[in-house]
PDB file of N, CA and C in Angstrom:
ATOM      1  N   MET A   1       0.849  -1.171   0.000  1.00  0.00           N
ATOM      2  CA  MET A   1       0.000   0.000   0.000  1.00  0.00           C
ATOM      3  C   MET A   1       0.891   1.229   0.000  1.00  0.00           C
ATOM      4  N   LEU A   2       0.553   2.196  -0.807  1.00  0.00           N
ATOM      5  CA  LEU A   2       1.314   3.435  -0.841  1.00  0.00           C
ATOM      6  C   LEU A   2       0.810   4.387   0.224  1.00  0.00           C
ATOM      7  N   ARG A   3       1.745   4.930   0.949  1.00  0.00           N
ATOM      8  CA  ARG A   3       1.406   5.938   1.964  1.00  0.00           C
ATOM      9  C   ARG A   3       2.446   7.038   1.919  1.00  0.00           C
ATOM     10  N   CYS A   4       2.008   8.222   2.213  1.00  0.00           N
ATOM     11  CA  CYS A   4       2.924   9.349   2.250  1.00  0.00           C
ATOM     12  C   CYS A   4       3.753   9.269   3.521  1.00  0.00           C
ATOM     13  N   SER A   5       5.040   9.557   3.404  1.00  0.00           N
ATOM     14  CA  SER A   5       5.909   9.508   4.574  1.00  0.00           C
ATOM     15  C   SER A   5       5.581  10.629   5.560  1.00  0.00           C
ATOM     16  N   LEU A   6       4.848  11.645   5.130  1.00  0.00           N
ATOM     17  CA  LEU A   6       4.469  12.740   6.019  1.00  0.00           C
ATOM     18  C   LEU A   6       3.120  12.510   6.689  1.00  0.00           C
ATOM     19  N   ALA A   7       2.344  11.562   6.173  1.00  0.00           N
ATOM     20  CA  ALA A   7       1.014  11.288   6.730  1.00  0.00           C
ATOM     21  C   ALA A   7       1.146  10.595   8.074  1.00  0.00           C
ATOM     22  N   ARG A   8       0.174  10.828   8.939  1.00  0.00           N
ATOM     23  CA  ARG A   8       0.200  10.236  10.273  1.00  0.00           C
ATOM     24  C   ARG A   8      -1.046   9.382  10.470  1.00  0.00           C
ATOM     25  N   ASP A   9      -0.896   8.246  11.124  1.00  0.00           N
ATOM     26  CA  ASP A   9      -2.008   7.368  11.489  1.00  0.00           C
ATOM     27  C   ASP A   9      -2.841   6.931  10.287  1.00  0.00           C
ATOM     28  N   GLY A  10      -2.216   6.746   9.135  1.00  0.00           N
ATOM     29  CA  GLY A  10      -2.934   6.252   7.968  1.00  0.00           C
ATOM     30  C   GLY A  10      -3.771   7.292   7.248  1.00  0.00           C
ATOM     31  N   ARG A  11      -3.790   8.531   7.755  1.00  0.00           N
ATOM     32  CA  ARG A  11      -4.552   9.581   7.080  1.00  0.00           C
ATOM     33  C   ARG A  11      -3.805  10.053   5.846  1.00  0.00           C
ATOM     34  N   SER A  12      -4.515  10.670   4.925  1.00  0.00           N
ATOM     35  CA  SER A  12      -3.857  11.151   3.712  1.00  0.00           C
ATOM     36  C   SER A  12      -3.001  12.369   4.037  1.00  0.00           C
ATOM     37  N   CYS A  13      -2.041  12.606   3.178  1.00  0.00           N
ATOM     38  CA  CYS A  13      -1.105  13.706   3.370  1.00  0.00           C
ATOM     39  C   CYS A  13      -1.806  15.049   3.156  1.00  0.00           C
ATOM     40  N   ARG A  14      -1.536  15.991   3.994  1.00  0.00           N
ATOM     41  CA  ARG A  14      -2.125  17.324   3.890  1.00  0.00           C
ATOM     42  C   ARG A  14      -1.063  18.362   3.513  1.00  0.00           C
ATOM     43  N   SER A  15       0.035  17.891   2.958  1.00  0.00           N
ATOM     44  CA  SER A  15       1.137  18.783   2.629  1.00  0.00           C
ATOM     45  C   SER A  15       0.722  19.744   1.519  1.00  0.00           C
ATOM     46  N   SER A  16       0.945  21.029   1.754  1.00  0.00           N
ATOM     47  CA  SER A  16       0.616  22.025   0.736  1.00  0.00           C
ATOM     48  C   SER A  16       1.733  22.140  -0.294  1.00  0.00           C
ATOM     49  N   VAL A  17       2.890  21.637   0.049  1.00  0.00           N
ATOM     50  CA  VAL A  17       4.020  21.675  -0.878  1.00  0.00           C
ATOM     51  C   VAL A  17       4.255  20.263  -1.404  1.00  0.00           C
ATOM     52  N   PRO A  18       3.926  20.002  -2.684  1.00  0.00           N
ATOM     53  CA  PRO A  18       4.038  18.646  -3.220  1.00  0.00           C
ATOM     54  C   PRO A  18       5.438  18.047  -3.136  1.00  0.00           C
ATOM     55  N   LYS A  19       6.483  18.881  -3.218  1.00  0.00           N
ATOM     56  CA  LYS A  19       7.846  18.356  -3.179  1.00  0.00           C
ATOM     57  C   LYS A  19       8.190  17.781  -1.804  1.00  0.00           C
ATOM     58  N   LYS A  20       7.519  18.253  -0.776  1.00  0.00           N
ATOM     59  CA  LYS A  20       7.768  17.727   0.565  1.00  0.00           C
ATOM     60  C   LYS A  20       7.174  16.331   0.725  1.00  0.00           C
ATOM     61  N   CYS A  21       6.140  16.060  -0.043  1.00  0.00           N
ATOM     62  CA  CYS A  21       5.419  14.809   0.086  1.00  0.00           C
ATOM     63  C   CYS A  21       6.193  13.708  -0.631  1.00  0.00           C
ATOM     64  N   ARG A  22       6.602  12.681   0.102  1.00  0.00           N
ATOM     65  CA  ARG A  22       7.329  11.559  -0.482  1.00  0.00           C
ATOM     66  C   ARG A  22       6.523  10.293  -0.269  1.00  0.00           C
ATOM     67  N   TRP A  23       6.068   9.690  -1.370  1.00  0.00           N
ATOM     68  CA  TRP A  23       5.292   8.463  -1.282  1.00  0.00           C
ATOM     69  C   TRP A  23       6.243   7.282  -1.259  1.00  0.00           C
ATOM     70  N   GLU A  24       5.937   6.326  -0.435  1.00  0.00           N
ATOM     71  CA  GLU A  24       6.767   5.132  -0.349  1.00  0.00           C
ATOM     72  C   GLU A  24       5.887   3.928  -0.039  1.00  0.00           C
ATOM     73  N   PHE A  25       6.410   2.750  -0.325  1.00  0.00           N
ATOM     74  CA  PHE A  25       5.671   1.529  -0.062  1.00  0.00           C
ATOM     75  C   PHE A  25       5.939   1.085   1.372  1.00  0.00           C
ATOM     76  N   ARG A  26       4.853   0.871   2.116  1.00  0.00           N
ATOM     77  CA  ARG A  26       4.957   0.333   3.464  1.00  0.00           C
ATOM     78  C   ARG A  26       3.990  -0.833   3.578  1.00  0.00           C
ATOM     79  N   PRO A  27       4.439  -1.968   4.106  1.00  0.00           N
ATOM     80  CA  PRO A  27       3.527  -3.105   4.244  1.00  0.00           C
ATOM     81  C   PRO A  27       2.398  -2.795   5.213  1.00  0.00           C
ATOM     82  N   VAL A  28       1.203  -3.285   4.883  1.00  0.00           N
ATOM     83  CA  VAL A  28       0.046  -3.067   5.736  1.00  0.00           C
ATOM     84  C   VAL A  28       0.174  -3.893   7.014  1.00  0.00           C
ATOM     85  N   PHE A  29       0.626  -5.132   6.870  1.00  0.00           N
ATOM     86  CA  PHE A  29       0.769  -6.007   8.025  1.00  0.00           C
ATOM     87  C   PHE A  29       2.231  -6.087   8.426  1.00  0.00           C
ATOM     88  N   GLU A  30       2.486  -6.001   9.691  1.00  0.00           N
ATOM     89  CA  GLU A  30       3.816  -6.248  10.214  1.00  0.00           C
ATOM     90  C   GLU A  30       3.890  -7.727  10.516  1.00  0.00           C
ATOM     91  N   LEU A  31       4.702  -8.459   9.770  1.00  0.00           N
ATOM     92  CA  LEU A  31       4.692  -9.913   9.864  1.00  0.00           C
ATOM     93  C   LEU A  31       5.842 -10.465  10.693  1.00  0.00           C
ATOM     94  N   GLN A  32       6.179  -9.787  11.752  1.00  0.00           N
ATOM     95  CA  GLN A  32       7.170 -10.313  12.671  1.00  0.00           C
ATOM     96  C   GLN A  32       6.472 -10.680  13.961  1.00  0.00           C
ATOM     97  N   GLY A  33       6.842 -11.807  14.517  1.00  0.00           N
ATOM     98  CA  GLY A  33       6.262 -12.219  15.784  1.00  0.00           C
ATOM     99  C   GLY A  33       5.386 -13.444  15.630  1.00  0.00           C
ATOM    100  N   TYR A  34       4.574 -13.671  16.642  1.00  0.00           N
ATOM    101  CA  TYR A  34       3.769 -14.876  16.722  1.00  0.00           C
ATOM    102  C   TYR A  34       2.297 -14.546  16.934  1.00  0.00           C
ATOM    103  N   TYR A  35       1.432 -15.453  16.471  1.00  0.00           N
ATOM    104  CA  TYR A  35       0.009 -15.398  16.750  1.00  0.00           C
ATOM    105  C   TYR A  35      -0.334 -16.437  17.807  1.00  0.00           C
ATOM    106  N   THR A  36      -1.248 -16.108  18.689  1.00  0.00           N
ATOM    107  CA  THR A  36      -1.790 -17.078  19.629  1.00  0.00           C
ATOM    108  C   THR A  36      -2.881 -17.882  18.927  1.00  0.00           C
ATOM    109  N   LEU A  37      -3.351 -18.939  19.581  1.00  0.00           N
ATOM    110  CA  LEU A  37      -4.428 -19.742  18.996  1.00  0.00           C
ATOM    111  C   LEU A  37      -5.671 -18.888  18.762  1.00  0.00           C
ATOM    112  N   ARG A  38      -5.997 -18.028  19.698  1.00  0.00           N
ATOM    113  CA  ARG A  38      -7.162 -17.149  19.552  1.00  0.00           C
ATOM    114  C   ARG A  38      -7.018 -16.235  18.342  1.00  0.00           C
ATOM    115  N   GLU A  39      -5.826 -15.682  18.150  1.00  0.00           N
ATOM    116  CA  GLU A  39      -5.593 -14.800  17.007  1.00  0.00           C
ATOM    117  C   GLU A  39      -5.642 -15.568  15.686  1.00  0.00           C
ATOM    118  N   VAL A  40      -5.100 -16.796  15.688  1.00  0.00           N
ATOM    119  CA  VAL A  40      -5.145 -17.622  14.481  1.00  0.00           C
ATOM    120  C   VAL A  40      -6.593 -17.958  14.131  1.00  0.00           C
ATOM    121  N   CYS A  41      -7.390 -18.283  15.148  1.00  0.00           N
ATOM    122  CA  CYS A  41      -8.809 -18.575  14.918  1.00  0.00           C
ATOM    123  C   CYS A  41      -9.516 -17.381  14.298  1.00  0.00           C
ATOM    124  N   LYS A  42      -9.267 -16.202  14.841  1.00  0.00           N
ATOM    125  CA  LYS A  42      -9.920 -14.988  14.338  1.00  0.00           C
ATOM    126  C   LYS A  42      -9.465 -14.669  12.909  1.00  0.00           C
ATOM    127  N   LEU A  43      -8.179 -14.827  12.655  1.00  0.00           N
ATOM    128  CA  LEU A  43      -7.623 -14.485  11.356  1.00  0.00           C
ATOM    129  C   LEU A  43      -8.065 -15.457  10.262  1.00  0.00           C
ATOM    130  N   THR A  44      -8.095 -16.741  10.572  1.00  0.00           N
ATOM    131  CA  THR A  44      -8.435 -17.753   9.574  1.00  0.00           C
ATOM    132  C   THR A  44      -9.916 -18.083   9.537  1.00  0.00           C
ATOM    133  N   THR A  45     -10.667 -17.611  10.492  1.00  0.00           N
ATOM    134  CA  THR A  45     -12.096 -17.901  10.688  1.00  0.00           C
ATOM    135  C   THR A  45     -12.354 -19.394  10.863  1.00  0.00           C
ATOM    136  N   LEU A  46     -11.376 -20.088  11.429  1.00  0.00           N
ATOM    137  CA  LEU A  46     -11.528 -21.500  11.767  1.00  0.00           C
ATOM    138  C   LEU A  46     -11.629 -21.637  13.278  1.00  0.00           C
ATOM    139  N   SER A  47     -12.337 -22.661  13.734  1.00  0.00           N
ATOM    140  CA  SER A  47     -12.414 -22.907  15.169  1.00  0.00           C
ATOM    141  C   SER A  47     -11.126 -23.578  15.637  1.00  0.00           C
ATOM    142  N   ALA A  48     -10.898 -23.556  16.930  1.00  0.00           N
ATOM    143  CA  ALA A  48      -9.714 -24.200  17.492  1.00  0.00           C
ATOM    144  C   ALA A  48      -9.725 -25.698  17.204  1.00  0.00           C
ATOM    145  N   THR A  49     -10.903 -26.313  17.286  1.00  0.00           N
ATOM    146  CA  THR A  49     -11.019 -27.741  17.005  1.00  0.00           C
ATOM    147  C   THR A  49     -10.641 -28.046  15.558  1.00  0.00           C
ATOM    148  N   THR A  50     -11.100 -27.235  14.625  1.00  0.00           N
ATOM    149  CA  THR A  50     -10.773 -27.432  13.215  1.00  0.00           C
ATOM    150  C   THR A  50      -9.275 -27.265  12.982  1.00  0.00           C
ATOM    151  N   ILE A  51      -8.678 -26.287  13.634  1.00  0.00           N
ATOM    152  CA  ILE A  51      -7.241 -26.075  13.491  1.00  0.00           C
ATOM    153  C   ILE A  51      -6.475 -27.299  13.968  1.00  0.00           C
ATOM    154  N   TRP A  52      -6.857 -27.840  15.125  1.00  0.00           N
ATOM    155  CA  TRP A  52      -6.159 -29.016  15.644  1.00  0.00           C
ATOM    156  C   TRP A  52      -6.405 -30.248  14.769  1.00  0.00           C
ATOM    157  N   ARG A  53      -7.590 -30.380  14.196  1.00  0.00           N
ATOM    158  CA  ARG A  53      -7.857 -31.499  13.275  1.00  0.00           C
ATOM    159  C   ARG A  53      -7.004 -31.377  12.018  1.00  0.00           C
ATOM    160  N   LEU A  54      -6.926 -30.170  11.463  1.00  0.00           N
ATOM    161  CA  LEU A  54      -6.088 -29.952  10.289  1.00  0.00           C
ATOM    162  C   LEU A  54      -4.611 -30.183  10.629  1.00  0.00           C
ATOM    163  N   ARG A  55      -4.229 -29.778  11.813  1.00  0.00           N
ATOM    164  CA  ARG A  55      -2.842 -29.975  12.249  1.00  0.00           C
ATOM    165  C   ARG A  55      -2.509 -31.463  12.343  1.00  0.00           C
ATOM    166  N   ARG A  56      -3.414 -32.235  12.897  1.00  0.00           N
ATOM    167  CA  ARG A  56      -3.210 -33.677  13.035  1.00  0.00           C
ATOM    168  C   ARG A  56      -3.092 -34.346  11.663  1.00  0.00           C
ATOM    169  N   ALA A  57      -3.807 -33.819  10.683  1.00  0.00           N
ATOM    170  CA  ALA A  57      -3.764 -34.350   9.317  1.00  0.00           C
ATOM    171  C   ALA A  57      -2.629 -33.731   8.493  1.00  0.00           C
ATOM    172  N   ASP A  58      -1.766 -32.955   9.117  1.00  0.00           N
ATOM    173  CA  ASP A  58      -0.654 -32.257   8.453  1.00  0.00           C
ATOM    174  C   ASP A  58      -1.114 -31.322   7.351  1.00  0.00           C
ATOM    175  N   LYS A  59      -2.258 -30.684   7.554  1.00  0.00           N
ATOM    176  CA  LYS A  59      -2.779 -29.711   6.589  1.00  0.00           C
ATOM    177  C   LYS A  59      -2.743 -28.289   7.139  1.00  0.00           C
ATOM    178  N   PHE A  60      -2.137 -28.122   8.315  1.00  0.00           N
ATOM    179  CA  PHE A  60      -2.020 -26.810   8.953  1.00  0.00           C
ATOM    180  C   PHE A  60      -0.638 -26.734   9.586  1.00  0.00           C
ATOM    181  N   PRO A  61      -0.003 -25.560   9.573  1.00  0.00           N
ATOM    182  CA  PRO A  61       1.351 -25.443  10.132  1.00  0.00           C
ATOM    183  C   PRO A  61       1.403 -25.784  11.623  1.00  0.00           C
ATOM    184  N   ALA A  62       2.517 -26.334  12.032  1.00  0.00           N
ATOM    185  CA  ALA A  62       2.721 -26.682  13.438  1.00  0.00           C
ATOM    186  C   ALA A  62       3.068 -25.427  14.238  1.00  0.00           C
ATOM    187  N   PRO A  63       2.562 -25.337  15.463  1.00  0.00           N
ATOM    188  CA  PRO A  63       2.935 -24.207  16.310  1.00  0.00           C
ATOM    189  C   PRO A  63       4.339 -24.403  16.868  1.00  0.00           C
ATOM    190  N   GLU A  64       4.914 -23.336  17.349  1.00  0.00           N
ATOM    191  CA  GLU A  64       6.218 -23.401  18.008  1.00  0.00           C
ATOM    192  C   GLU A  64       6.023 -23.205  19.499  1.00  0.00           C
ATOM    193  N   ARG A  65       6.805 -23.904  20.280  1.00  0.00           N
ATOM    194  CA  ARG A  65       6.744 -23.756  21.733  1.00  0.00           C
ATOM    195  C   ARG A  65       7.542 -22.517  22.116  1.00  0.00           C
ATOM    196  N   LEU A  66       6.859 -21.550  22.708  1.00  0.00           N
ATOM    197  CA  LEU A  66       7.504 -20.293  23.092  1.00  0.00           C
ATOM    198  C   LEU A  66       8.061 -20.376  24.513  1.00  0.00           C
ATOM    199  N   THR A  67       7.274 -20.941  25.411  1.00  0.00           N
ATOM    200  CA  THR A  67       7.715 -21.222  26.781  1.00  0.00           C
ATOM    201  C   THR A  67       7.160 -22.586  27.148  1.00  0.00           C
ATOM    202  N   SER A  68       7.341 -22.973  28.400  1.00  0.00           N
ATOM    203  CA  SER A  68       6.855 -24.290  28.806  1.00  0.00           C
ATOM    204  C   SER A  68       5.333 -24.384  28.752  1.00  0.00           C
ATOM    205  N   GLY A  69       4.641 -23.274  28.848  1.00  0.00           N
ATOM    206  CA  GLY A  69       3.178 -23.304  28.827  1.00  0.00           C
ATOM    207  C   GLY A  69       2.530 -22.482  27.730  1.00  0.00           C
ATOM    208  N   ARG A  70       3.323 -22.103  26.713  1.00  0.00           N
ATOM    209  CA  ARG A  70       2.767 -21.229  25.679  1.00  0.00           C
ATOM    210  C   ARG A  70       3.268 -21.653  24.303  1.00  0.00           C
ATOM    211  N   ILE A  71       2.355 -21.654  23.324  1.00  0.00           N
ATOM    212  CA  ILE A  71       2.710 -21.940  21.940  1.00  0.00           C
ATOM    213  C   ILE A  71       2.266 -20.782  21.063  1.00  0.00           C
ATOM    214  N   GLY A  72       2.822 -20.719  19.875  1.00  0.00           N
ATOM    215  CA  GLY A  72       2.432 -19.671  18.939  1.00  0.00           C
ATOM    216  C   GLY A  72       2.815 -20.047  17.528  1.00  0.00           C
ATOM    217  N   TRP A  73       2.166 -19.422  16.576  1.00  0.00           N
ATOM    218  CA  TRP A  73       2.454 -19.635  15.164  1.00  0.00           C
ATOM    219  C   TRP A  73       3.141 -18.400  14.626  1.00  0.00           C
ATOM    220  N   LEU A  74       4.199 -18.595  13.848  1.00  0.00           N
ATOM    221  CA  LEU A  74       4.844 -17.465  13.194  1.00  0.00           C
ATOM    222  C   LEU A  74       3.850 -16.775  12.272  1.00  0.00           C
ATOM    223  N   LYS A  75       3.819 -15.463  12.315  1.00  0.00           N
ATOM    224  CA  LYS A  75       2.868 -14.711  11.491  1.00  0.00           C
ATOM    225  C   LYS A  75       3.082 -14.967  10.008  1.00  0.00           C
ATOM    226  N   THR A  76       4.338 -15.039   9.585  1.00  0.00           N
ATOM    227  CA  THR A  76       4.611 -15.269   8.170  1.00  0.00           C
ATOM    228  C   THR A  76       4.098 -16.634   7.719  1.00  0.00           C
ATOM    229  N   VAL A  77       4.236 -17.640   8.565  1.00  0.00           N
ATOM    230  CA  VAL A  77       3.793 -18.994   8.217  1.00  0.00           C
ATOM    231  C   VAL A  77       2.276 -19.032   8.043  1.00  0.00           C
ATOM    232  N   ILE A  78       1.549 -18.373   8.938  1.00  0.00           N
ATOM    233  CA  ILE A  78       0.083 -18.359   8.851  1.00  0.00           C
ATOM    234  C   ILE A  78      -0.374 -17.627   7.596  1.00  0.00           C
ATOM    235  N   HIS A  79       0.239 -16.495   7.281  1.00  0.00           N
ATOM    236  CA  HIS A  79      -0.159 -15.740   6.089  1.00  0.00           C
ATOM    237  C   HIS A  79       0.185 -16.503   4.808  1.00  0.00           C
ATOM    238  N   LEU A  80       1.312 -17.202   4.797  1.00  0.00           N
ATOM    239  CA  LEU A  80       1.641 -18.034   3.633  1.00  0.00           C
ATOM    240  C   LEU A  80       0.652 -19.183   3.487  1.00  0.00           C
ATOM    241  N   TRP A  81       0.270 -19.805   4.590  1.00  0.00           N
ATOM    242  CA  TRP A  81      -0.713 -20.885   4.549  1.00  0.00           C
ATOM    243  C   TRP A  81      -2.043 -20.376   3.999  1.00  0.00           C
ATOM    244  N   MET A  82      -2.473 -19.199   4.465  1.00  0.00           N
ATOM    245  CA  MET A  82      -3.728 -18.628   3.983  1.00  0.00           C
ATOM    246  C   MET A  82      -3.646 -18.305   2.493  1.00  0.00           C
ATOM    247  N   ALA A  83      -2.508 -17.776   2.044  1.00  0.00           N
ATOM    248  CA  ALA A  83      -2.350 -17.453   0.621  1.00  0.00           C
ATOM    249  C   ALA A  83      -2.361 -18.717  -0.222  1.00  0.00           C
ATOM    250  N   ASN A  84      -1.689 -19.763   0.239  1.00  0.00           N
ATOM    251  CA  ASN A  84      -1.661 -21.023  -0.498  1.00  0.00           C
ATOM    252  C   ASN A  84      -3.043 -21.677  -0.521  1.00  0.00           C
ATOM    253  N   ARG A  85      -3.755 -21.558   0.553  1.00  0.00           N
ATOM    254  CA  ARG A  85      -5.089 -22.168   0.620  1.00  0.00           C
ATOM    255  C   ARG A  85      -6.061 -21.463  -0.320  1.00  0.00           C
ATOM    256  N   SER A  86      -5.933 -20.151  -0.450  1.00  0.00           N
ATOM    257  CA  SER A  86      -6.863 -19.407  -1.303  1.00  0.00           C
ATOM    258  C   SER A  86      -6.605 -19.664  -2.786  1.00  0.00           C
ATOM    259  N   THR A  87      -5.386 -20.079  -3.129  1.00  0.00           N
ATOM    260  CA  THR A  87      -5.079 -20.349  -4.542  1.00  0.00           C
ATOM    261  C   THR A  87      -5.476 -21.774  -4.942  1.00  0.00           C
ATOM    262  N   GLN A  88      -5.735 -22.631  -3.989  1.00  0.00           N
ATOM    263  CA  GLN A  88      -6.092 -24.011  -4.314  1.00  0.00           C
ATOM    264  C   GLN A  88      -7.545 -24.160  -4.627  1.00  0.00           C
TER     265      GLN A  88
END
């Protein structure tokens, strides 16, 4: 998505001097970090049970263990899975 480097909070640029306005490409999603199961459910619109069933059948990416009591999915892996699923 193109956004002006002078614009704030996603609003359009209000610069009166066009030369000051510099358009650049910035990704809409920041794809660093992990999603929790709740976030994956919301993002994929799948239930937790469906996710675990797909995982057992090797049709969904495996989560990573973050701590002894917490797991998460890499954001990039989930978005790639969603993109691959939509093309099939």
